[in-house]
Amino acid sequence: MKPVRFLRPAELELLDAAQYYEIQAKGLGREFLDKIDSAILDIREAPERWPIIRSSIRRRLVHRFPYALLYRVEPDEIIIQATMHLRRRPDYWIGR
């Protein structure tokens, strides 16, 4: 399996979302991170499984939360471009 690397903006989006959910309800931030971990494992096991949404960028939806991981598969690694909220500015991540 290829290693996964988050671009810094995608990592900050992830941490912001986890913090937001934890403020909403104790333990919810941890549950969000668990769902992200599960999605990352799925991506690592079968990176070509999820649909291409633009150019070489693929989207893996996160169960229970309105988020998706946008990623591209490189020869030596998988790069997470964005931890995208599905109900906000859909193209903000383009150019990363």
Protein backbone atom coordinates (compact mmCIF):
# COMPACT_ATOMS: atom_id res chain seq x y z
CA MET A 1 0.00 0.00 0.00
CA LYS A 2 1.16 3.49 -0.81
CA PRO A 3 1.67 6.02 1.95
CA VAL A 4 -0.78 8.90 2.27
CA ARG A 5 0.34 12.51 2.63
CA PHE A 6 -1.93 15.47 3.38
CA LEU A 7 -1.21 18.82 1.81
CA ARG A 8 -0.98 21.38 4.62
CA PRO A 9 -4.30 23.10 3.72
CA ALA A 10 -6.08 19.72 3.71
CA GLU A 11 -4.58 18.88 7.10
CA LEU A 12 -5.74 22.22 8.53
CA GLU A 13 -9.25 21.64 7.16
CA LEU A 14 -9.28 18.23 8.84
CA LEU A 15 -8.19 19.62 12.20
CA ASP A 16 -10.65 22.53 12.01
CA ALA A 17 -13.54 20.16 11.27
CA ALA A 18 -12.57 17.81 14.11
CA GLN A 19 -12.36 20.73 16.52
CA TYR A 20 -15.74 22.05 15.38
CA TYR A 21 -17.41 18.66 15.91
CA GLU A 22 -15.80 18.21 19.31
CA ILE A 23 -17.21 21.58 20.41
CA GLN A 24 -20.65 20.50 19.23
CA ALA A 25 -20.61 17.27 21.26
CA LYS A 26 -17.94 15.58 23.33
CA GLY A 27 -16.50 12.66 21.38
CA LEU A 28 -17.92 13.73 18.03
CA GLY A 29 -14.57 15.14 16.90
CA ARG A 30 -12.93 11.79 17.65
CA GLU A 31 -15.69 10.00 15.72
CA PHE A 32 -15.07 12.30 12.75
CA LEU A 33 -11.34 11.48 12.85
CA ASP A 34 -12.15 7.76 13.08
CA LYS A 35 -14.30 8.04 9.93
CA ILE A 36 -11.46 9.90 8.20
CA ASP A 37 -9.02 7.13 9.22
CA SER A 38 -11.40 4.54 7.81
CA ALA A 39 -11.69 6.46 4.53
CA ILE A 40 -7.90 6.74 4.30
CA LEU A 41 -7.53 2.99 4.82
CA ASP A 42 -10.06 2.37 2.04
CA ILE A 43 -8.16 4.73 -0.25
CA ARG A 44 -4.84 3.03 0.52
CA GLU A 45 -6.30 -0.43 -0.15
CA ALA A 46 -7.91 0.51 -3.49
CA PRO A 47 -6.91 4.02 -4.61
CA GLU A 48 -8.49 3.67 -8.06
CA ARG A 49 -11.88 2.66 -6.64
CA TRP A 50 -13.39 6.12 -6.17
CA PRO A 51 -14.53 8.35 -9.02
CA ILE A 52 -12.43 10.98 -10.69
CA ILE A 53 -14.16 14.33 -10.29
CA ARG A 54 -11.69 16.57 -12.09
CA SER A 55 -8.50 15.83 -13.99
CA SER A 56 -6.74 13.19 -11.85
CA ILE A 57 -8.48 14.10 -8.57
CA ARG A 58 -10.65 11.43 -6.96
CA ARG A 59 -13.28 11.81 -4.25
CA ARG A 60 -13.91 9.49 -1.32
CA LEU A 61 -16.99 10.45 0.69
CA VAL A 62 -16.75 10.25 4.49
CA HIS A 63 -19.52 8.22 6.10
CA ARG A 64 -21.92 10.07 8.45
CA PHE A 65 -20.31 13.47 7.91
CA PRO A 66 -20.79 15.93 5.02
CA TYR A 67 -17.13 15.69 4.00
CA ALA A 68 -15.02 14.10 1.30
CA LEU A 69 -11.34 13.48 0.88
CA LEU A 70 -10.09 14.73 -2.47
CA TYR A 71 -6.90 12.97 -3.50
CA ARG A 72 -4.61 12.10 -6.36
CA VAL A 73 -2.61 8.95 -6.86
CA GLU A 74 1.08 9.46 -7.57
CA PRO A 75 3.59 6.71 -8.41
CA ASP A 76 4.99 6.61 -4.86
CA GLU A 77 2.23 8.09 -2.70
CA ILE A 78 -1.35 9.25 -2.37
CA ILE A 79 -1.76 12.96 -1.82
CA ILE A 80 -4.83 14.32 -0.03
CA GLN A 81 -5.59 17.66 -1.71
CA ALA A 82 -8.55 18.70 0.44
CA THR A 83 -10.76 17.68 3.32
CA MET A 84 -13.78 19.19 1.64
CA HIS A 85 -17.09 20.12 3.25
CA LEU A 86 -19.70 19.04 0.71
CA ARG A 87 -22.03 21.99 1.26
CA ARG A 88 -19.52 24.82 0.86
CA ARG A 89 -17.70 26.40 -2.10
CA PRO A 90 -17.21 23.27 -4.21
CA ASP A 91 -14.19 24.41 -6.26
CA TYR A 92 -12.14 26.25 -3.62
CA TRP A 93 -9.41 23.58 -3.60
CA ILE A 94 -8.56 23.83 -7.29
CA GLY A 95 -5.00 24.97 -7.76
CA ARG A 96 -3.52 23.08 -4.84
